[in-house]
C-alpha cells in the first residue's frame, strides 16, 4: 500500500510496549509467602508514590522510562491481586517435610552448606537465597525430610544434596 493514502498520524511510530509475562506455567497458582506479599506491596508503594512522580515531572525524554515503570506497576498490581498467601504449616509432622515457605539447609558432597527458602515466583531472589517453588531444586526438595538425600540433575551431571535442617520462618 502506498503511503500517499495514509494520514500523517498513521505513519508515526508507536512505542513498543513490552508486557512482562508471568513466569508461572499455565494453570499454576501464584503462591506467595506473607513476607513476600508485604515486600511486593512496599515496592509497589515506593514506585507509585516516589518513583513515578519523579519521572512524570521530568521532560519528554523520560516517557520511555515512565512507560516501563507503569508496566512494572501494573505487573506488581496483578501479581498482588492474584497472589495466594500460604501460611506455614502448623507445628508437628507437617513441618518435618519441605513444603512451600520452608527454609532448607543443604550439604553437598564437599560438605558445603547452603540455605534456600522455597517462595513464590515473584519473590525469587537468589542473592537472598529465595528460590521459586517451581524451580528444579525446589521440586526435588519438596516432601524431603532432614537426613534425606536428594539428587539434582545439572549440566555437569547429578549433584547429591543432603537436607540438614528445615525451618519455617514466620514472615
N, C-alpha and C. Protein backbone atom coordinates (compact mmCIF):
# COMPACT_ATOMS: atom_id res chain seq x y z
N UNK A 1 0.84 -1.17 0.00
CA UNK A 1 0.00 0.00 0.00
C UNK A 1 0.89 1.23 0.00
N UNK A 2 0.51 2.20 -0.79
CA UNK A 2 1.26 3.44 -0.88
C UNK A 2 1.01 4.27 0.37
N UNK A 3 2.02 4.96 0.83
CA UNK A 3 1.85 5.81 2.00
C UNK A 3 1.12 7.10 1.65
N UNK A 4 0.87 7.34 0.37
CA UNK A 4 0.15 8.54 -0.04
C UNK A 4 -1.28 8.53 0.48
N UNK A 5 -1.83 7.36 0.78
CA UNK A 5 -3.22 7.25 1.21
C UNK A 5 -3.36 7.15 2.73
N UNK A 6 -2.28 7.36 3.44
CA UNK A 6 -2.33 7.28 4.91
C UNK A 6 -2.23 8.66 5.52
N UNK A 7 -2.86 8.82 6.69
CA UNK A 7 -2.72 10.08 7.42
C UNK A 7 -1.33 10.13 8.03
N UNK A 8 -0.86 11.33 8.27
CA UNK A 8 0.46 11.50 8.86
C UNK A 8 0.54 10.83 10.23
N UNK A 9 -0.56 10.88 10.97
CA UNK A 9 -0.56 10.28 12.31
C UNK A 9 -0.42 8.76 12.24
N UNK A 10 -0.85 8.16 11.10
CA UNK A 10 -0.71 6.71 10.93
C UNK A 10 0.74 6.31 10.69
N UNK A 11 1.55 7.25 10.23
CA UNK A 11 2.94 6.97 9.91
C UNK A 11 3.85 7.10 11.11
N UNK A 12 3.38 7.78 12.16
CA UNK A 12 4.21 7.95 13.34
C UNK A 12 4.45 6.60 14.00
N UNK A 13 5.67 6.42 14.46
CA UNK A 13 5.99 5.16 15.13
C UNK A 13 5.33 5.12 16.49
N UNK A 14 4.71 4.03 16.75
CA UNK A 14 4.10 3.81 18.05
C UNK A 14 5.16 3.17 18.95
N UNK A 15 5.26 3.61 20.20
CA UNK A 15 6.24 2.99 21.10
C UNK A 15 5.89 1.52 21.32
N UNK A 16 6.90 0.70 21.30
CA UNK A 16 6.69 -0.72 21.53
C UNK A 16 6.60 -0.94 23.03
N UNK A 17 5.50 -1.50 23.46
CA UNK A 17 5.31 -1.78 24.88
C UNK A 17 5.57 -3.26 25.11
N UNK A 18 6.55 -3.55 25.91
CA UNK A 18 6.85 -4.93 26.23
C UNK A 18 6.08 -5.29 27.49
N UNK A 19 5.20 -6.23 27.36
CA UNK A 19 4.43 -6.68 28.51
C UNK A 19 5.22 -7.72 29.26
N UNK A 20 5.34 -7.55 30.54
CA UNK A 20 6.04 -8.51 31.37
C UNK A 20 5.15 -9.73 31.53
N UNK A 21 5.68 -10.87 31.17
CA UNK A 21 4.91 -12.10 31.20
C UNK A 21 5.19 -12.83 32.50
N UNK A 22 4.15 -13.38 33.07
CA UNK A 22 4.30 -14.12 34.31
C UNK A 22 5.18 -15.34 34.08
N UNK A 23 6.11 -15.60 34.99
CA UNK A 23 6.95 -16.79 34.87
C UNK A 23 6.22 -18.07 35.28
N UNK A 24 4.98 -17.94 35.71
CA UNK A 24 4.21 -19.12 36.12
C UNK A 24 3.78 -19.92 34.90
N UNK A 25 3.87 -21.23 34.98
CA UNK A 25 3.33 -22.03 33.89
C UNK A 25 1.81 -21.92 33.87
N UNK A 26 1.18 -22.13 32.72
CA UNK A 26 -0.28 -22.03 32.64
C UNK A 26 -0.95 -22.92 33.68
N UNK A 27 -1.92 -22.35 34.37
CA UNK A 27 -2.69 -23.09 35.36
C UNK A 27 -2.08 -23.13 36.75
N UNK A 28 -0.83 -22.69 36.90
CA UNK A 28 -0.18 -22.71 38.21
C UNK A 28 -0.70 -21.56 39.07
N UNK A 29 -0.79 -21.80 40.36
CA UNK A 29 -1.24 -20.78 41.29
C UNK A 29 -0.10 -19.83 41.61
N UNK A 30 -0.46 -18.58 41.87
CA UNK A 30 0.53 -17.57 42.24
C UNK A 30 0.72 -17.59 43.76
N UNK A 31 1.40 -18.63 44.24
CA UNK A 31 1.64 -18.78 45.67
C UNK A 31 2.64 -17.74 46.14
N UNK A 32 2.47 -17.31 47.40
CA UNK A 32 3.34 -16.29 47.94
C UNK A 32 3.39 -16.43 49.45
N UNK A 33 4.54 -16.11 50.03
CA UNK A 33 4.65 -16.08 51.48
C UNK A 33 4.08 -14.74 51.96
N UNK A 34 3.76 -14.69 53.24
CA UNK A 34 3.24 -13.46 53.83
C UNK A 34 4.28 -12.34 53.70
N UNK A 35 5.54 -12.66 54.00
CA UNK A 35 6.61 -11.67 53.88
C UNK A 35 6.83 -11.22 52.45
N UNK A 36 6.68 -12.14 51.51
CA UNK A 36 6.84 -11.80 50.10
C UNK A 36 5.76 -10.83 49.64
N UNK A 37 4.53 -11.09 50.07
CA UNK A 37 3.44 -10.18 49.71
C UNK A 37 3.71 -8.79 50.27
N UNK A 38 4.21 -8.73 51.49
CA UNK A 38 4.50 -7.44 52.11
C UNK A 38 5.62 -6.71 51.37
N UNK A 39 6.67 -7.43 50.97
CA UNK A 39 7.76 -6.81 50.20
C UNK A 39 7.26 -6.27 48.86
N UNK A 40 6.39 -7.02 48.19
CA UNK A 40 5.84 -6.55 46.91
C UNK A 40 4.96 -5.32 47.12
N UNK A 41 4.18 -5.30 48.19
CA UNK A 41 3.34 -4.13 48.49
C UNK A 41 4.21 -2.90 48.74
N UNK A 42 5.29 -3.07 49.49
CA UNK A 42 6.19 -1.96 49.76
C UNK A 42 6.85 -1.45 48.48
N UNK A 43 7.24 -2.38 47.61
CA UNK A 43 7.85 -1.99 46.33
C UNK A 43 6.84 -1.24 45.47
N UNK A 44 5.60 -1.71 45.42
CA UNK A 44 4.56 -1.03 44.66
C UNK A 44 4.33 0.37 45.20
N UNK A 45 4.24 0.51 46.50
CA UNK A 45 4.05 1.82 47.12
C UNK A 45 5.20 2.76 46.78
N UNK A 46 6.43 2.25 46.85
CA UNK A 46 7.61 3.07 46.52
C UNK A 46 7.55 3.54 45.07
N UNK A 47 7.21 2.64 44.16
CA UNK A 47 7.16 3.00 42.75
C UNK A 47 6.07 4.04 42.48
N UNK A 48 4.89 3.84 43.06
CA UNK A 48 3.76 4.73 42.81
C UNK A 48 3.94 6.09 43.48
N UNK A 49 4.42 6.08 44.73
CA UNK A 49 4.48 7.33 45.49
C UNK A 49 5.78 8.11 45.33
N UNK A 50 6.86 7.43 44.95
CA UNK A 50 8.15 8.11 44.87
C UNK A 50 8.69 8.16 43.44
N UNK A 51 8.84 7.01 42.83
CA UNK A 51 9.49 6.95 41.51
C UNK A 51 8.64 7.53 40.39
N UNK A 52 7.36 7.19 40.36
CA UNK A 52 6.51 7.67 39.27
C UNK A 52 6.39 9.19 39.26
N UNK A 53 6.15 9.84 40.41
CA UNK A 53 6.07 11.31 40.39
C UNK A 53 7.37 11.96 39.89
N UNK A 54 8.52 11.39 40.24
CA UNK A 54 9.80 11.94 39.76
C UNK A 54 9.87 11.89 38.24
N UNK A 55 9.53 10.73 37.67
CA UNK A 55 9.60 10.59 36.22
C UNK A 55 8.52 11.42 35.52
N UNK A 56 7.33 11.47 36.10
CA UNK A 56 6.24 12.22 35.48
C UNK A 56 6.55 13.71 35.44
N UNK A 57 7.32 14.19 36.39
CA UNK A 57 7.68 15.61 36.43
C UNK A 57 8.82 15.93 35.46
N UNK A 58 9.43 14.90 34.93
CA UNK A 58 10.57 15.09 34.03
C UNK A 58 10.16 15.53 32.65
N UNK A 59 11.15 15.59 31.79
CA UNK A 59 10.94 16.03 30.42
C UNK A 59 10.40 14.89 29.57
N UNK A 60 10.12 15.18 28.30
CA UNK A 60 9.59 14.18 27.38
C UNK A 60 10.54 13.00 27.20
N UNK A 61 11.84 13.21 27.43
CA UNK A 61 12.81 12.12 27.29
C UNK A 61 12.54 11.00 28.31
N UNK A 62 11.84 11.33 29.37
CA UNK A 62 11.57 10.34 30.43
C UNK A 62 10.37 9.46 30.09
N UNK A 63 9.67 9.75 28.98
CA UNK A 63 8.47 8.97 28.63
C UNK A 63 8.74 7.47 28.51
N UNK A 64 9.80 7.03 27.83
CA UNK A 64 10.04 5.57 27.78
C UNK A 64 10.25 4.95 29.16
N UNK A 65 10.96 5.65 30.04
CA UNK A 65 11.17 5.14 31.40
C UNK A 65 9.84 5.13 32.17
N UNK A 66 9.02 6.14 31.94
CA UNK A 66 7.71 6.21 32.60
C UNK A 66 6.82 5.06 32.13
N UNK A 67 6.84 4.79 30.84
CA UNK A 67 6.06 3.67 30.30
C UNK A 67 6.52 2.34 30.90
N UNK A 68 7.84 2.16 31.00
CA UNK A 68 8.38 0.92 31.58
C UNK A 68 7.99 0.81 33.05
N UNK A 69 8.04 1.93 33.76
CA UNK A 69 7.67 1.93 35.18
C UNK A 69 6.18 1.61 35.33
N UNK A 70 5.35 2.16 34.46
CA UNK A 70 3.92 1.87 34.51
C UNK A 70 3.66 0.38 34.26
N UNK A 71 4.42 -0.22 33.34
CA UNK A 71 4.30 -1.66 33.11
C UNK A 71 4.66 -2.44 34.37
N UNK A 72 5.74 -2.02 35.03
CA UNK A 72 6.16 -2.70 36.25
C UNK A 72 5.10 -2.54 37.35
N UNK A 73 4.51 -1.37 37.44
CA UNK A 73 3.46 -1.13 38.44
C UNK A 73 2.27 -2.03 38.16
N UNK A 74 1.84 -2.11 36.90
CA UNK A 74 0.71 -2.97 36.54
C UNK A 74 1.02 -4.44 36.85
N UNK A 75 2.26 -4.86 36.57
CA UNK A 75 2.65 -6.24 36.86
C UNK A 75 2.55 -6.53 38.36
N UNK A 76 3.08 -5.63 39.18
CA UNK A 76 3.01 -5.82 40.63
C UNK A 76 1.56 -5.83 41.12
N UNK A 77 0.73 -4.95 40.57
CA UNK A 77 -0.67 -4.93 40.96
C UNK A 77 -1.36 -6.25 40.62
N UNK A 78 -1.11 -6.77 39.42
CA UNK A 78 -1.71 -8.03 39.01
C UNK A 78 -1.19 -9.19 39.86
N UNK A 79 0.10 -9.17 40.15
CA UNK A 79 0.69 -10.22 40.96
C UNK A 79 0.08 -10.23 42.36
N UNK A 80 -0.05 -9.06 42.96
CA UNK A 80 -0.63 -8.98 44.29
C UNK A 80 -2.11 -9.37 44.28
N UNK A 81 -2.80 -9.02 43.21
CA UNK A 81 -4.22 -9.35 43.11
C UNK A 81 -4.44 -10.87 42.98
N UNK A 82 -3.55 -11.54 42.27
CA UNK A 82 -3.71 -12.99 42.06
C UNK A 82 -2.99 -13.84 43.09
N UNK A 83 -2.27 -13.20 44.01
CA UNK A 83 -1.48 -13.94 45.00
C UNK A 83 -2.35 -14.76 45.95
N UNK A 84 -1.86 -15.95 46.23
CA UNK A 84 -2.48 -16.80 47.25
C UNK A 84 -1.43 -17.01 48.34
N UNK A 85 -1.63 -16.34 49.47
CA UNK A 85 -0.66 -16.43 50.56
C UNK A 85 -0.78 -17.79 51.22
N UNK A 86 0.37 -18.44 51.38
CA UNK A 86 0.43 -19.76 52.01
C UNK A 86 1.03 -19.60 53.40
N UNK A 87 0.25 -19.95 54.38
CA UNK A 87 0.70 -19.89 55.77
C UNK A 87 1.65 -21.06 56.04
N UNK A 88 2.61 -20.89 56.94
CA UNK A 88 3.46 -22.02 57.31
C UNK A 88 2.61 -23.15 57.89
N UNK A 89 3.05 -24.39 57.71
CA UNK A 89 2.27 -25.49 58.28
C UNK A 89 2.28 -25.43 59.81
N UNK A 90 1.26 -26.01 60.43
CA UNK A 90 1.22 -26.00 61.89
C UNK A 90 2.35 -26.87 62.45
N UNK A 91 2.73 -26.62 63.71
CA UNK A 91 3.77 -27.45 64.32
C UNK A 91 3.37 -28.92 64.27
N UNK A 92 4.37 -29.76 64.11
CA UNK A 92 4.10 -31.20 64.08
C UNK A 92 4.69 -31.83 62.84
N UNK A 93 4.09 -32.92 62.43
CA UNK A 93 4.60 -33.73 61.34
C UNK A 93 4.76 -32.96 60.03
N UNK A 94 3.84 -32.04 59.76
CA UNK A 94 3.90 -31.29 58.51
C UNK A 94 5.18 -30.47 58.39
N UNK A 95 5.70 -29.99 59.50
CA UNK A 95 6.93 -29.19 59.48
C UNK A 95 8.18 -30.06 59.31
N UNK A 96 8.02 -31.35 59.37
CA UNK A 96 9.17 -32.25 59.23
C UNK A 96 9.52 -32.47 57.76
N UNK A 97 8.69 -32.01 56.87
CA UNK A 97 8.93 -32.15 55.44
C UNK A 97 9.07 -30.77 54.79
N UNK A 98 9.78 -30.74 53.68
CA UNK A 98 9.96 -29.50 52.94
C UNK A 98 8.66 -29.19 52.19
N UNK A 99 8.13 -28.04 52.46
CA UNK A 99 6.92 -27.54 51.81
C UNK A 99 7.17 -26.10 51.36
N UNK A 100 6.17 -25.52 50.70
CA UNK A 100 6.26 -24.13 50.30
C UNK A 100 6.53 -23.27 51.53
N UNK A 101 7.47 -22.33 51.41
CA UNK A 101 7.81 -21.43 52.50
C UNK A 101 8.93 -21.92 53.39
N UNK A 102 9.35 -23.18 53.21
CA UNK A 102 10.40 -23.75 54.06
C UNK A 102 11.75 -23.11 53.77
N UNK A 103 12.53 -22.96 54.82
CA UNK A 103 13.93 -22.57 54.72
C UNK A 103 14.72 -23.86 54.93
N UNK A 104 15.43 -24.29 53.89
CA UNK A 104 16.08 -25.59 53.88
C UNK A 104 17.59 -25.43 53.86
N UNK A 105 18.26 -26.14 54.76
CA UNK A 105 19.72 -26.18 54.75
C UNK A 105 20.14 -27.47 54.06
N UNK A 106 21.10 -27.34 53.14
CA UNK A 106 21.58 -28.49 52.36
C UNK A 106 23.08 -28.59 52.45
N UNK A 107 23.57 -29.85 52.44
CA UNK A 107 25.01 -30.07 52.41
C UNK A 107 25.31 -30.83 51.12
N UNK A 108 26.30 -30.32 50.36
CA UNK A 108 26.67 -31.03 49.13
C UNK A 108 27.76 -32.05 49.44
N UNK A 109 28.21 -32.77 48.42
CA UNK A 109 29.18 -33.85 48.65
C UNK A 109 30.54 -33.35 49.15
N UNK A 110 30.82 -32.05 48.99
CA UNK A 110 32.07 -31.47 49.50
C UNK A 110 31.91 -30.96 50.94
N UNK A 111 30.70 -31.06 51.46
CA UNK A 111 30.45 -30.61 52.83
C UNK A 111 30.01 -29.16 52.93
N UNK A 112 29.84 -28.49 51.79
CA UNK A 112 29.44 -27.09 51.79
C UNK A 112 27.94 -26.99 52.09
N UNK A 113 27.61 -26.12 53.03
CA UNK A 113 26.21 -25.92 53.43
C UNK A 113 25.65 -24.70 52.70
N UNK A 114 24.45 -24.86 52.18
CA UNK A 114 23.73 -23.75 51.53
C UNK A 114 22.31 -23.74 52.08
N UNK A 115 21.71 -22.55 52.12
CA UNK A 115 20.33 -22.41 52.63
C UNK A 115 19.47 -21.75 51.57
N UNK A 116 18.30 -22.33 51.36
CA UNK A 116 17.36 -21.81 50.38
C UNK A 116 15.96 -21.79 50.97
N UNK A 117 15.21 -20.79 50.59
CA UNK A 117 13.81 -20.71 51.01
C UNK A 117 12.94 -20.87 49.76
N UNK A 118 11.95 -21.75 49.83
CA UNK A 118 11.04 -22.00 48.72
C UNK A 118 9.92 -20.97 48.78
N UNK A 119 9.87 -20.11 47.76
CA UNK A 119 8.92 -18.99 47.75
C UNK A 119 8.21 -18.91 46.40
N UNK A 120 7.32 -17.94 46.26
CA UNK A 120 6.61 -17.73 45.01
C UNK A 120 7.52 -17.14 43.94
N UNK A 121 7.09 -17.23 42.69
CA UNK A 121 7.93 -16.80 41.57
C UNK A 121 8.25 -15.31 41.63
N UNK A 122 7.35 -14.50 42.15
CA UNK A 122 7.60 -13.06 42.21
C UNK A 122 8.44 -12.66 43.42
N UNK A 123 8.74 -13.60 44.28
CA UNK A 123 9.57 -13.35 45.46
C UNK A 123 11.02 -13.80 45.26
N UNK A 124 11.27 -14.50 44.18
CA UNK A 124 12.57 -15.11 43.94
C UNK A 124 13.68 -14.08 44.00
N UNK A 125 14.73 -14.39 44.75
CA UNK A 125 15.89 -13.52 44.88
C UNK A 125 17.08 -14.40 45.27
N UNK A 126 17.87 -14.77 44.30
CA UNK A 126 19.00 -15.69 44.55
C UNK A 126 20.00 -15.09 45.53
N UNK A 127 20.17 -13.77 45.51
CA UNK A 127 21.10 -13.14 46.46
C UNK A 127 20.66 -13.35 47.90
N UNK A 128 19.36 -13.49 48.12
CA UNK A 128 18.81 -13.72 49.45
C UNK A 128 18.53 -15.19 49.72
N UNK A 129 18.83 -16.06 48.74
CA UNK A 129 18.58 -17.49 48.92
C UNK A 129 17.13 -17.88 48.74
N UNK A 130 16.33 -17.01 48.11
CA UNK A 130 14.92 -17.32 47.88
C UNK A 130 14.75 -17.86 46.47
N UNK A 131 14.30 -19.14 46.39
CA UNK A 131 14.13 -19.78 45.09
C UNK A 131 12.65 -20.08 44.84
N UNK A 132 12.29 -20.04 43.59
CA UNK A 132 10.90 -20.29 43.21
C UNK A 132 10.51 -21.73 43.51
N UNK A 133 9.29 -21.91 43.97
CA UNK A 133 8.79 -23.25 44.28
C UNK A 133 8.66 -24.12 43.05
N UNK A 134 8.75 -23.54 41.86
CA UNK A 134 8.68 -24.34 40.63
C UNK A 134 10.06 -24.58 40.02
N UNK A 135 11.11 -24.13 40.71
CA UNK A 135 12.48 -24.35 40.21
C UNK A 135 12.86 -25.82 40.35
N UNK A 136 13.82 -26.27 39.54
CA UNK A 136 14.25 -27.68 39.64
C UNK A 136 14.71 -28.07 41.05
N UNK A 137 15.45 -27.20 41.72
CA UNK A 137 15.91 -27.52 43.07
C UNK A 137 14.73 -27.65 44.03
N UNK A 138 13.80 -26.72 43.97
CA UNK A 138 12.64 -26.78 44.86
C UNK A 138 11.82 -28.04 44.61
N UNK A 139 11.73 -28.43 43.36
CA UNK A 139 10.95 -29.63 43.04
C UNK A 139 11.55 -30.90 43.65
N UNK A 140 12.89 -31.01 43.62
CA UNK A 140 13.49 -32.21 44.20
C UNK A 140 13.47 -32.15 45.72
N UNK A 141 13.39 -30.96 46.29
CA UNK A 141 13.36 -30.82 47.75
C UNK A 141 11.98 -31.04 48.35
N UNK A 142 10.94 -30.75 47.59
CA UNK A 142 9.58 -30.85 48.11
C UNK A 142 9.31 -32.25 48.66
N UNK A 143 8.83 -32.29 49.88
CA UNK A 143 8.50 -33.50 50.65
C UNK A 143 9.70 -34.19 51.28
N UNK A 144 10.91 -33.68 51.06
CA UNK A 144 12.09 -34.30 51.67
C UNK A 144 12.10 -34.02 53.17
N UNK A 145 12.78 -34.92 53.93
CA UNK A 145 12.92 -34.79 55.38
C UNK A 145 14.39 -34.56 55.72
N UNK A 146 14.64 -34.12 56.94
CA UNK A 146 16.02 -33.95 57.42
C UNK A 146 16.71 -35.31 57.36
N UNK A 147 17.93 -35.30 56.83
CA UNK A 147 18.71 -36.53 56.69
C UNK A 147 18.54 -37.19 55.33
N UNK A 148 17.52 -36.81 54.62
CA UNK A 148 17.27 -37.40 53.30
C UNK A 148 18.20 -36.79 52.26
N UNK A 149 18.64 -37.62 51.32
CA UNK A 149 19.46 -37.15 50.22
C UNK A 149 18.59 -37.04 48.98
N UNK A 150 18.78 -35.93 48.26
CA UNK A 150 18.06 -35.70 47.01
C UNK A 150 19.09 -35.51 45.90
N UNK A 151 18.68 -35.79 44.69
CA UNK A 151 19.60 -35.66 43.56
C UNK A 151 19.09 -34.59 42.61
N UNK A 152 19.93 -33.60 42.38
CA UNK A 152 19.61 -32.53 41.45
C UNK A 152 20.42 -32.76 40.18
N UNK A 153 19.73 -32.87 39.07
CA UNK A 153 20.43 -33.06 37.79
C UNK A 153 20.87 -31.69 37.27
N UNK A 154 22.16 -31.57 36.97
CA UNK A 154 22.71 -30.32 36.46
C UNK A 154 23.41 -30.59 35.13
N UNK A 155 23.86 -29.52 34.48
CA UNK A 155 24.58 -29.68 33.20
C UNK A 155 25.85 -30.50 33.38
N UNK A 156 26.46 -30.41 34.54
CA UNK A 156 27.71 -31.13 34.79
C UNK A 156 27.49 -32.52 35.35
N UNK A 157 26.23 -32.91 35.47
CA UNK A 157 25.92 -34.23 36.00
C UNK A 157 25.10 -34.13 37.27
N UNK A 158 24.77 -35.28 37.86
CA UNK A 158 23.94 -35.26 39.06
C UNK A 158 24.71 -34.71 40.27
N UNK A 159 23.99 -34.00 41.10
CA UNK A 159 24.57 -33.42 42.31
C UNK A 159 23.73 -33.91 43.48
N UNK A 160 24.35 -34.64 44.38
CA UNK A 160 23.62 -35.18 45.53
C UNK A 160 23.71 -34.20 46.70
N UNK A 161 22.55 -33.90 47.28
CA UNK A 161 22.45 -32.95 48.38
C UNK A 161 21.72 -33.61 49.54
N UNK A 162 22.19 -33.31 50.75
CA UNK A 162 21.54 -33.85 51.95
C UNK A 162 20.82 -32.72 52.67
N UNK A 163 19.58 -32.96 53.02
CA UNK A 163 18.80 -31.99 53.78
C UNK A 163 19.27 -32.08 55.23
N UNK A 164 19.81 -30.96 55.75
CA UNK A 164 20.34 -30.97 57.12
C UNK A 164 19.43 -30.24 58.10
N UNK A 165 18.55 -29.37 57.61
CA UNK A 165 17.62 -28.67 58.50
C UNK A 165 16.45 -28.12 57.68
N UNK A 166 15.31 -28.05 58.35
CA UNK A 166 14.10 -27.46 57.74
C UNK A 166 13.50 -26.53 58.79
N UNK A 167 13.23 -25.31 58.38
CA UNK A 167 12.63 -24.34 59.28
C UNK A 167 11.53 -23.60 58.51
N UNK A 168 10.59 -23.05 59.21
CA UNK A 168 9.52 -22.27 58.60
C UNK A 168 9.50 -20.90 59.25
N UNK A 169 10.19 -19.91 58.64
CA UNK A 169 10.20 -18.56 59.20
C UNK A 169 8.78 -18.00 59.28
N UNK A 170 8.55 -17.13 60.22
CA UNK A 170 7.21 -16.59 60.43
C UNK A 170 6.80 -15.53 59.41
N UNK A 171 7.76 -14.97 58.68
CA UNK A 171 7.37 -13.89 57.74
C UNK A 171 6.82 -14.41 56.47
